[in-house]
Amino acid sequence: MKIFNKVFDFFIVIFFLILQVVFVAQLKLYYINFDFILVAIIAITFKKNLTAAILYGFFTGLVFDLLTANIVGISALIFALDAFLLGKLQESGLKLKLVSYVLAVFMFTEINIVIINIVYYLFSYDIDFASMGLDLLLKPLFNILLIFIIFPLLRVKFTGEELIEQQHK
């Protein structure tokens, strides 16, 4: 059963990767900007162990960079780092509740936007501060809406009851 869950999670992440590359580029024209990959990596981090989430984040980010012609490796680094930091937050006592999920998605979306723009600036790309500000305002809201789509698909509970049951076994 564990192998089926890993394969299922892999195909869900690949589905969201394809959706990110194909669908989100069209929505950016209307200032609607989702980050399916980030929310899926956060869901896997809450559901799985730290190593699996880091591997999913790294390989998904690497494929995403290759498909979108970004600086190769930056998304891989950021998604793996997001999974690592969220896993360490979980180990330090982050409770598995809806507020934690919303806070994690909000925080990592904001951090990713800032880091990506800093890296682009360091590599002499032009930065449009107006679109960056709009991304900082709107992208976390759209990603928080994705929680209610992606988390049930990956069978992540919205309460900490599953964790309490595992601790008492």
N, C-alpha and C. Protein backbone atom coordinates (compact mmCIF):
# COMPACT_ATOMS: atom_id res chain seq x y z
N MET A 1 0.82 -1.20 0.00
CA MET A 1 0.00 0.00 0.00
C MET A 1 0.87 1.26 0.00
N LYS A 2 2.03 1.20 0.66
CA LYS A 2 2.90 2.37 0.69
C LYS A 2 3.42 2.71 -0.70
N ILE A 3 3.72 1.68 -1.49
CA ILE A 3 4.22 1.92 -2.84
C ILE A 3 3.14 2.58 -3.68
N PHE A 4 1.89 2.14 -3.53
CA PHE A 4 0.79 2.76 -4.26
C PHE A 4 0.66 4.23 -3.90
N ASN A 5 0.78 4.55 -2.61
CA ASN A 5 0.67 5.95 -2.17
C ASN A 5 1.80 6.80 -2.75
N LYS A 6 3.03 6.26 -2.79
CA LYS A 6 4.15 7.01 -3.35
C LYS A 6 3.97 7.24 -4.85
N VAL A 7 3.52 6.21 -5.56
CA VAL A 7 3.30 6.34 -6.99
C VAL A 7 2.15 7.32 -7.25
N PHE A 8 1.10 7.24 -6.45
CA PHE A 8 -0.04 8.16 -6.59
C PHE A 8 0.40 9.60 -6.34
N ASP A 9 1.18 9.82 -5.29
CA ASP A 9 1.69 11.16 -5.01
C ASP A 9 2.58 11.67 -6.12
N PHE A 10 3.40 10.78 -6.69
CA PHE A 10 4.27 11.16 -7.79
C PHE A 10 3.45 11.63 -8.99
N PHE A 11 2.40 10.88 -9.33
CA PHE A 11 1.58 11.26 -10.47
C PHE A 11 0.78 12.54 -10.20
N ILE A 12 0.37 12.75 -8.98
CA ILE A 12 -0.32 14.00 -8.63
C ILE A 12 0.64 15.18 -8.80
N VAL A 13 1.88 15.04 -8.35
CA VAL A 13 2.85 16.11 -8.48
C VAL A 13 3.17 16.37 -9.96
N ILE A 14 3.30 15.32 -10.76
CA ILE A 14 3.53 15.48 -12.19
C ILE A 14 2.34 16.17 -12.85
N PHE A 15 1.12 15.80 -12.45
CA PHE A 15 -0.08 16.45 -12.98
C PHE A 15 -0.06 17.95 -12.67
N PHE A 16 0.28 18.31 -11.43
CA PHE A 16 0.32 19.72 -11.07
C PHE A 16 1.49 20.45 -11.74
N LEU A 17 2.57 19.75 -12.01
CA LEU A 17 3.68 20.35 -12.75
C LEU A 17 3.24 20.71 -14.17
N ILE A 18 2.56 19.79 -14.82
CA ILE A 18 2.05 20.06 -16.17
C ILE A 18 1.02 21.18 -16.14
N LEU A 19 0.15 21.16 -15.16
CA LEU A 19 -0.85 22.22 -15.00
C LEU A 19 -0.19 23.57 -14.78
N GLN A 20 0.89 23.59 -14.01
CA GLN A 20 1.62 24.83 -13.74
C GLN A 20 2.24 25.38 -15.02
N VAL A 21 2.84 24.51 -15.80
CA VAL A 21 3.53 24.96 -17.02
C VAL A 21 2.54 25.42 -18.08
N VAL A 22 1.45 24.69 -18.26
CA VAL A 22 0.52 24.97 -19.35
C VAL A 22 -0.53 26.01 -18.97
N PHE A 23 -1.15 25.82 -17.83
CA PHE A 23 -2.35 26.58 -17.47
C PHE A 23 -2.03 27.93 -16.84
N VAL A 24 -1.05 28.00 -15.97
CA VAL A 24 -0.78 29.22 -15.22
C VAL A 24 -0.22 30.31 -16.12
N ALA A 25 0.50 29.94 -17.15
CA ALA A 25 1.03 30.95 -18.07
C ALA A 25 -0.10 31.72 -18.74
N GLN A 26 -1.20 31.06 -19.02
CA GLN A 26 -2.35 31.73 -19.62
C GLN A 26 -3.08 32.63 -18.62
N LEU A 27 -3.13 32.21 -17.36
CA LEU A 27 -3.83 33.00 -16.35
C LEU A 27 -3.04 34.23 -15.90
N LYS A 28 -1.74 34.22 -16.09
CA LYS A 28 -0.93 35.38 -15.69
C LYS A 28 -1.32 36.63 -16.46
N LEU A 29 -1.90 36.45 -17.62
CA LEU A 29 -2.36 37.60 -18.39
C LEU A 29 -3.45 38.38 -17.65
N TYR A 30 -4.18 37.69 -16.80
CA TYR A 30 -5.27 38.31 -16.04
C TYR A 30 -4.89 38.53 -14.57
N TYR A 31 -3.61 38.50 -14.27
CA TYR A 31 -3.06 38.68 -12.92
C TYR A 31 -3.56 37.62 -11.94
N ILE A 32 -3.88 36.46 -12.45
CA ILE A 32 -4.22 35.31 -11.61
C ILE A 32 -3.01 34.39 -11.66
N ASN A 33 -2.37 34.21 -10.51
CA ASN A 33 -1.10 33.50 -10.50
C ASN A 33 -1.11 32.44 -9.39
N PHE A 34 -1.24 31.20 -9.78
CA PHE A 34 -1.22 30.08 -8.84
C PHE A 34 0.17 29.46 -8.83
N ASP A 35 0.50 28.80 -7.75
CA ASP A 35 1.73 28.02 -7.68
C ASP A 35 1.35 26.61 -7.22
N PHE A 36 0.90 25.81 -8.18
CA PHE A 36 0.45 24.46 -7.88
C PHE A 36 1.56 23.62 -7.27
N ILE A 37 2.76 23.79 -7.77
CA ILE A 37 3.89 22.96 -7.32
C ILE A 37 4.20 23.24 -5.86
N LEU A 38 4.25 24.50 -5.48
CA LEU A 38 4.57 24.85 -4.10
C LEU A 38 3.54 24.28 -3.13
N VAL A 39 2.27 24.42 -3.46
CA VAL A 39 1.23 23.92 -2.55
C VAL A 39 1.26 22.40 -2.49
N ALA A 40 1.56 21.74 -3.61
CA ALA A 40 1.68 20.27 -3.60
C ALA A 40 2.88 19.82 -2.77
N ILE A 41 3.99 20.53 -2.85
CA ILE A 41 5.17 20.18 -2.05
C ILE A 41 4.88 20.40 -0.56
N ILE A 42 4.17 21.46 -0.22
CA ILE A 42 3.81 21.69 1.17
C ILE A 42 2.88 20.60 1.67
N ALA A 43 1.93 20.18 0.83
CA ALA A 43 1.02 19.09 1.22
C ALA A 43 1.78 17.79 1.43
N ILE A 44 2.73 17.50 0.55
CA ILE A 44 3.52 16.27 0.70
C ILE A 44 4.38 16.35 1.96
N THR A 45 4.89 17.53 2.28
CA THR A 45 5.71 17.68 3.48
C THR A 45 4.87 17.43 4.72
N PHE A 46 3.65 17.93 4.73
CA PHE A 46 2.78 17.67 5.88
C PHE A 46 2.36 16.21 5.95
N LYS A 47 2.25 15.54 4.80
CA LYS A 47 1.78 14.16 4.77
C LYS A 47 2.90 13.14 4.95
N LYS A 48 4.02 13.36 4.33
CA LYS A 48 5.09 12.38 4.28
C LYS A 48 6.24 12.76 5.20
N ASN A 49 7.29 12.00 5.08
CA ASN A 49 8.49 12.33 5.83
C ASN A 49 9.29 13.40 5.09
N LEU A 50 10.29 13.89 5.75
CA LEU A 50 11.07 15.02 5.24
C LEU A 50 11.86 14.67 3.99
N THR A 51 12.45 13.50 3.94
CA THR A 51 13.28 13.11 2.80
C THR A 51 12.47 13.02 1.51
N ALA A 52 11.30 12.41 1.58
CA ALA A 52 10.46 12.28 0.39
C ALA A 52 10.04 13.65 -0.12
N ALA A 53 9.69 14.55 0.77
CA ALA A 53 9.25 15.88 0.36
C ALA A 53 10.40 16.66 -0.28
N ILE A 54 11.61 16.54 0.26
CA ILE A 54 12.76 17.23 -0.33
C ILE A 54 13.05 16.68 -1.72
N LEU A 55 12.98 15.36 -1.89
CA LEU A 55 13.23 14.77 -3.21
C LEU A 55 12.17 15.19 -4.22
N TYR A 56 10.90 15.15 -3.81
CA TYR A 56 9.83 15.62 -4.70
C TYR A 56 10.05 17.08 -5.07
N GLY A 57 10.39 17.90 -4.10
CA GLY A 57 10.62 19.32 -4.36
C GLY A 57 11.78 19.56 -5.30
N PHE A 58 12.87 18.86 -5.09
CA PHE A 58 14.05 19.06 -5.94
C PHE A 58 13.79 18.65 -7.37
N PHE A 59 13.29 17.43 -7.57
CA PHE A 59 13.10 16.94 -8.94
C PHE A 59 11.98 17.67 -9.67
N THR A 60 10.93 18.04 -8.96
CA THR A 60 9.86 18.80 -9.59
C THR A 60 10.35 20.19 -9.99
N GLY A 61 11.12 20.82 -9.12
CA GLY A 61 11.67 22.13 -9.43
C GLY A 61 12.64 22.08 -10.60
N LEU A 62 13.45 21.04 -10.66
CA LEU A 62 14.40 20.90 -11.76
C LEU A 62 13.69 20.73 -13.10
N VAL A 63 12.67 19.87 -13.13
CA VAL A 63 11.90 19.68 -14.36
C VAL A 63 11.16 20.97 -14.72
N PHE A 64 10.64 21.67 -13.73
CA PHE A 64 9.94 22.93 -13.97
C PHE A 64 10.89 23.96 -14.61
N ASP A 65 12.11 24.05 -14.08
CA ASP A 65 13.08 24.98 -14.66
C ASP A 65 13.43 24.62 -16.10
N LEU A 66 13.57 23.34 -16.37
CA LEU A 66 13.91 22.91 -17.73
C LEU A 66 12.76 23.17 -18.70
N LEU A 67 11.52 23.02 -18.23
CA LEU A 67 10.37 23.24 -19.10
C LEU A 67 10.06 24.71 -19.34
N THR A 68 10.40 25.57 -18.39
CA THR A 68 10.04 26.98 -18.52
C THR A 68 11.21 27.87 -18.90
N ALA A 69 12.38 27.31 -19.10
CA ALA A 69 13.57 28.05 -19.51
C ALA A 69 13.96 29.12 -18.49
N ASN A 70 13.77 28.82 -17.21
CA ASN A 70 14.26 29.70 -16.15
C ASN A 70 15.72 29.37 -15.88
N ILE A 71 16.30 30.06 -14.92
CA ILE A 71 17.65 29.73 -14.49
C ILE A 71 17.59 28.31 -13.91
N VAL A 72 18.31 27.40 -14.51
CA VAL A 72 18.21 25.99 -14.16
C VAL A 72 18.72 25.77 -12.74
N GLY A 73 17.88 25.20 -11.91
CA GLY A 73 18.24 24.84 -10.56
C GLY A 73 17.67 25.75 -9.49
N ILE A 74 17.19 26.93 -9.86
CA ILE A 74 16.71 27.85 -8.84
C ILE A 74 15.40 27.35 -8.22
N SER A 75 14.49 26.85 -9.04
CA SER A 75 13.24 26.31 -8.49
C SER A 75 13.50 25.02 -7.72
N ALA A 76 14.43 24.22 -8.20
CA ALA A 76 14.78 22.99 -7.49
C ALA A 76 15.31 23.31 -6.09
N LEU A 77 16.19 24.30 -6.02
CA LEU A 77 16.74 24.72 -4.73
C LEU A 77 15.65 25.27 -3.83
N ILE A 78 14.80 26.11 -4.36
CA ILE A 78 13.78 26.76 -3.55
C ILE A 78 12.75 25.74 -3.05
N PHE A 79 12.26 24.85 -3.90
CA PHE A 79 11.26 23.87 -3.46
C PHE A 79 11.85 22.88 -2.46
N ALA A 80 13.08 22.44 -2.67
CA ALA A 80 13.72 21.56 -1.72
C ALA A 80 13.95 22.27 -0.39
N LEU A 81 14.35 23.52 -0.44
CA LEU A 81 14.56 24.31 0.78
C LEU A 81 13.24 24.55 1.51
N ASP A 82 12.17 24.79 0.75
CA ASP A 82 10.85 24.95 1.37
C ASP A 82 10.44 23.69 2.12
N ALA A 83 10.61 22.54 1.47
CA ALA A 83 10.26 21.28 2.11
C ALA A 83 11.11 21.03 3.36
N PHE A 84 12.39 21.34 3.26
CA PHE A 84 13.29 21.16 4.40
C PHE A 84 12.88 22.04 5.58
N LEU A 85 12.65 23.32 5.31
CA LEU A 85 12.28 24.25 6.39
C LEU A 85 10.93 23.89 7.00
N LEU A 86 9.98 23.49 6.18
CA LEU A 86 8.68 23.10 6.72
C LEU A 86 8.79 21.81 7.52
N GLY A 87 9.62 20.89 7.07
CA GLY A 87 9.84 19.67 7.85
C GLY A 87 10.47 19.96 9.20
N LYS A 88 11.41 20.89 9.24
CA LYS A 88 12.03 21.27 10.51
C LYS A 88 11.03 22.00 11.41
N LEU A 89 10.14 22.80 10.82
CA LEU A 89 9.08 23.44 11.61
C LEU A 89 8.15 22.39 12.22
N GLN A 90 7.85 21.36 11.43
CA GLN A 90 7.01 20.27 11.95
C GLN A 90 7.69 19.54 13.10
N GLU A 91 8.98 19.28 12.95
CA GLU A 91 9.71 18.58 14.01
C GLU A 91 9.78 19.41 15.28
N SER A 92 9.76 20.73 15.13
CA SER A 92 9.84 21.58 16.31
C SER A 92 8.49 21.80 16.98
N GLY A 93 7.43 21.25 16.41
CA GLY A 93 6.15 21.30 17.09
C GLY A 93 5.04 22.03 16.38
N LEU A 94 5.13 22.23 15.08
CA LEU A 94 4.06 22.86 14.33
C LEU A 94 2.86 21.93 14.31
N LYS A 95 1.73 22.42 14.75
CA LYS A 95 0.52 21.60 14.82
C LYS A 95 -0.11 21.48 13.44
N LEU A 96 -0.67 20.30 13.17
CA LEU A 96 -1.27 20.04 11.87
C LEU A 96 -2.73 20.48 11.88
N LYS A 97 -2.95 21.75 11.66
CA LYS A 97 -4.29 22.32 11.61
C LYS A 97 -4.39 23.23 10.40
N LEU A 98 -5.59 23.64 10.08
CA LEU A 98 -5.82 24.48 8.92
C LEU A 98 -5.05 25.78 9.00
N VAL A 99 -4.96 26.36 10.18
CA VAL A 99 -4.24 27.62 10.35
C VAL A 99 -2.76 27.42 10.03
N SER A 100 -2.20 26.31 10.41
CA SER A 100 -0.80 26.01 10.11
C SER A 100 -0.59 25.87 8.61
N TYR A 101 -1.53 25.23 7.93
CA TYR A 101 -1.42 25.06 6.49
C TYR A 101 -1.46 26.42 5.79
N VAL A 102 -2.41 27.26 6.19
CA VAL A 102 -2.55 28.58 5.58
C VAL A 102 -1.31 29.42 5.84
N LEU A 103 -0.82 29.40 7.07
CA LEU A 103 0.37 30.17 7.42
C LEU A 103 1.59 29.69 6.63
N ALA A 104 1.74 28.37 6.49
CA ALA A 104 2.88 27.83 5.75
C ALA A 104 2.82 28.22 4.28
N VAL A 105 1.67 28.10 3.67
CA VAL A 105 1.53 28.47 2.26
C VAL A 105 1.78 29.96 2.08
N PHE A 106 1.24 30.78 2.94
CA PHE A 106 1.44 32.23 2.85
C PHE A 106 2.92 32.58 3.00
N MET A 107 3.55 32.03 4.04
CA MET A 107 4.94 32.36 4.33
C MET A 107 5.87 31.91 3.21
N PHE A 108 5.72 30.67 2.74
CA PHE A 108 6.64 30.17 1.72
C PHE A 108 6.38 30.80 0.36
N THR A 109 5.15 31.20 0.07
CA THR A 109 4.89 31.92 -1.18
C THR A 109 5.59 33.26 -1.18
N GLU A 110 5.49 33.99 -0.09
CA GLU A 110 6.14 35.29 0.01
C GLU A 110 7.67 35.15 -0.07
N ILE A 111 8.21 34.19 0.65
CA ILE A 111 9.66 33.98 0.65
C ILE A 111 10.15 33.60 -0.74
N ASN A 112 9.42 32.73 -1.44
CA ASN A 112 9.82 32.32 -2.79
C ASN A 112 9.82 33.48 -3.76
N ILE A 113 8.82 34.33 -3.69
CA ILE A 113 8.76 35.49 -4.60
C ILE A 113 9.96 36.40 -4.38
N VAL A 114 10.28 36.67 -3.13
CA VAL A 114 11.40 37.56 -2.83
C VAL A 114 12.73 36.93 -3.25
N ILE A 115 12.93 35.66 -2.95
CA ILE A 115 14.20 34.99 -3.30
C ILE A 115 14.38 34.93 -4.82
N ILE A 116 13.33 34.58 -5.54
CA ILE A 116 13.44 34.48 -7.00
C ILE A 116 13.78 35.84 -7.60
N ASN A 117 13.16 36.89 -7.11
CA ASN A 117 13.45 38.22 -7.65
C ASN A 117 14.87 38.68 -7.29
N ILE A 118 15.35 38.32 -6.12
CA ILE A 118 16.73 38.65 -5.75
C ILE A 118 17.72 37.91 -6.65
N VAL A 119 17.45 36.63 -6.91
CA VAL A 119 18.34 35.86 -7.77
C VAL A 119 18.32 36.42 -9.20
N TYR A 120 17.15 36.76 -9.70
CA TYR A 120 17.09 37.36 -11.03
C TYR A 120 17.84 38.68 -11.07
N TYR A 121 17.75 39.46 -10.02
CA TYR A 121 18.49 40.72 -9.95
C TYR A 121 20.00 40.47 -9.96
N LEU A 122 20.44 39.44 -9.23
CA LEU A 122 21.87 39.12 -9.19
C LEU A 122 22.39 38.64 -10.54
N PHE A 123 21.51 38.02 -11.34
CA PHE A 123 21.91 37.57 -12.67
C PHE A 123 21.58 38.60 -13.75
N SER A 124 21.39 39.84 -13.34
CA SER A 124 21.19 41.00 -14.23
C SER A 124 19.92 40.93 -15.06
N TYR A 125 18.88 40.32 -14.54
CA TYR A 125 17.58 40.38 -15.18
C TYR A 125 16.88 41.65 -14.73
N ASP A 126 15.99 42.16 -15.56
CA ASP A 126 15.21 43.33 -15.17
C ASP A 126 14.09 42.89 -14.23
N ILE A 127 13.89 43.68 -13.18
CA ILE A 127 12.84 43.39 -12.22
C ILE A 127 11.78 44.46 -12.35
N ASP A 128 10.55 44.03 -12.53
CA ASP A 128 9.42 44.96 -12.56
C ASP A 128 8.83 44.99 -11.15
N PHE A 129 9.09 46.08 -10.43
CA PHE A 129 8.66 46.16 -9.04
C PHE A 129 7.15 46.22 -8.90
N ALA A 130 6.46 46.74 -9.90
CA ALA A 130 5.00 46.78 -9.84
C ALA A 130 4.41 45.37 -9.89
N SER A 131 4.91 44.55 -10.81
CA SER A 131 4.41 43.18 -10.89
C SER A 131 4.86 42.35 -9.69
N MET A 132 6.03 42.65 -9.15
CA MET A 132 6.49 41.95 -7.94
C MET A 132 5.58 42.30 -6.76
N GLY A 133 5.22 43.56 -6.63
CA GLY A 133 4.31 43.97 -5.56
C GLY A 133 2.94 43.34 -5.72
N LEU A 134 2.46 43.27 -6.96
CA LEU A 134 1.17 42.63 -7.21
C LEU A 134 1.24 41.14 -6.89
N ASP A 135 2.36 40.50 -7.23
CA ASP A 135 2.55 39.09 -6.88
C ASP A 135 2.58 38.90 -5.36
N LEU A 136 3.26 39.80 -4.66
CA LEU A 136 3.32 39.68 -3.20
C LEU A 136 1.96 39.84 -2.55
N LEU A 137 1.06 40.56 -3.20
CA LEU A 137 -0.29 40.73 -2.65
C LEU A 137 -1.25 39.61 -3.05
N LEU A 138 -1.22 39.21 -4.32
CA LEU A 138 -2.25 38.31 -4.82
C LEU A 138 -1.88 36.83 -4.82
N LYS A 139 -0.63 36.51 -5.09
CA LYS A 139 -0.24 35.10 -5.23
C LYS A 139 -0.48 34.29 -3.95
N PRO A 140 -0.19 34.82 -2.76
CA PRO A 140 -0.50 34.03 -1.55
C PRO A 140 -1.99 33.75 -1.40
N LEU A 141 -2.84 34.69 -1.80
CA LEU A 141 -4.28 34.46 -1.70
C LEU A 141 -4.74 33.34 -2.63
N PHE A 142 -4.22 33.34 -3.85
CA PHE A 142 -4.58 32.27 -4.77
C PHE A 142 -4.03 30.92 -4.31
N ASN A 143 -2.84 30.92 -3.74
CA ASN A 143 -2.26 29.67 -3.23
C ASN A 143 -3.03 29.14 -2.03
N ILE A 144 -3.53 30.04 -1.20
CA ILE A 144 -4.34 29.60 -0.06
C ILE A 144 -5.63 28.95 -0.56
N LEU A 145 -6.19 29.46 -1.63
CA LEU A 145 -7.37 28.81 -2.23
C LEU A 145 -7.04 27.41 -2.74
N LEU A 146 -5.82 27.23 -3.22
CA LEU A 146 -5.40 25.91 -3.72
C LEU A 146 -5.32 24.86 -2.61
N ILE A 147 -5.17 25.30 -1.37
CA ILE A 147 -5.11 24.35 -0.25
C ILE A 147 -6.35 23.46 -0.27
N PHE A 148 -7.50 24.04 -0.54
CA PHE A 148 -8.75 23.30 -0.48
C PHE A 148 -8.96 22.38 -1.68
N ILE A 149 -8.08 22.46 -2.67
CA ILE A 149 -8.13 21.55 -3.81
C ILE A 149 -7.06 20.48 -3.69
N ILE A 150 -5.83 20.89 -3.40
CA ILE A 150 -4.70 19.97 -3.43
C ILE A 150 -4.63 19.09 -2.18
N PHE A 151 -4.88 19.66 -1.02
CA PHE A 151 -4.74 18.88 0.20
C PHE A 151 -5.71 17.69 0.24
N PRO A 152 -6.99 17.84 -0.13
CA PRO A 152 -7.84 16.64 -0.17
C PRO A 152 -7.40 15.61 -1.21
N LEU A 153 -6.85 16.07 -2.34
CA LEU A 153 -6.35 15.11 -3.34
C LEU A 153 -5.21 14.27 -2.80
N LEU A 154 -4.35 14.89 -2.01
CA LEU A 154 -3.22 14.16 -1.43
C LEU A 154 -3.56 13.55 -0.07
N ARG A 155 -4.83 13.59 0.29
CA ARG A 155 -5.36 13.00 1.52
C ARG A 155 -4.66 13.55 2.77
N VAL A 156 -4.51 14.87 2.80
CA VAL A 156 -3.98 15.54 3.98
C VAL A 156 -5.17 16.01 4.79
N LYS A 157 -5.22 15.62 6.06
CA LYS A 157 -6.34 15.99 6.92
C LYS A 157 -6.24 17.44 7.34
N PHE A 158 -7.38 18.06 7.58
CA PHE A 158 -7.40 19.45 8.02
C PHE A 158 -7.36 19.58 9.53
N THR A 159 -7.23 18.48 10.25
CA THR A 159 -7.07 18.53 11.70
C THR A 159 -5.89 17.66 12.09
N GLY A 160 -5.51 17.72 13.33
CA GLY A 160 -4.37 16.95 13.81
C GLY A 160 -4.75 15.61 14.39
N GLU A 161 -5.97 15.11 14.11
CA GLU A 161 -6.43 13.86 14.71
C GLU A 161 -5.58 12.67 14.28
N GLU A 162 -5.13 12.66 13.03
CA GLU A 162 -4.32 11.55 12.55
C GLU A 162 -3.00 11.47 13.30
N LEU A 163 -2.40 12.61 13.58
CA LEU A 163 -1.14 12.66 14.30
C LEU A 163 -1.33 12.15 15.73
N ILE A 164 -2.42 12.51 16.36
CA ILE A 164 -2.68 12.08 17.74
C ILE A 164 -2.86 10.57 17.78
N GLU A 165 -3.55 10.00 16.77
CA GLU A 165 -3.72 8.54 16.72
C GLU A 165 -2.40 7.83 16.56
N GLN A 166 -1.48 8.38 15.75
CA GLN A 166 -0.19 7.75 15.55
C GLN A 166 0.67 7.79 16.80
N GLN A 167 0.53 8.84 17.60
CA GLN A 167 1.34 8.97 18.81
C GLN A 167 0.90 7.99 19.88
N HIS A 168 -0.38 7.61 19.88
CA HIS A 168 -0.88 6.71 20.92
C HIS A 168 -0.71 5.24 20.57
N LYS A 169 -0.27 4.92 19.36
CA LYS A 169 -0.08 3.52 18.98
C LYS A 169 1.22 2.98 19.48
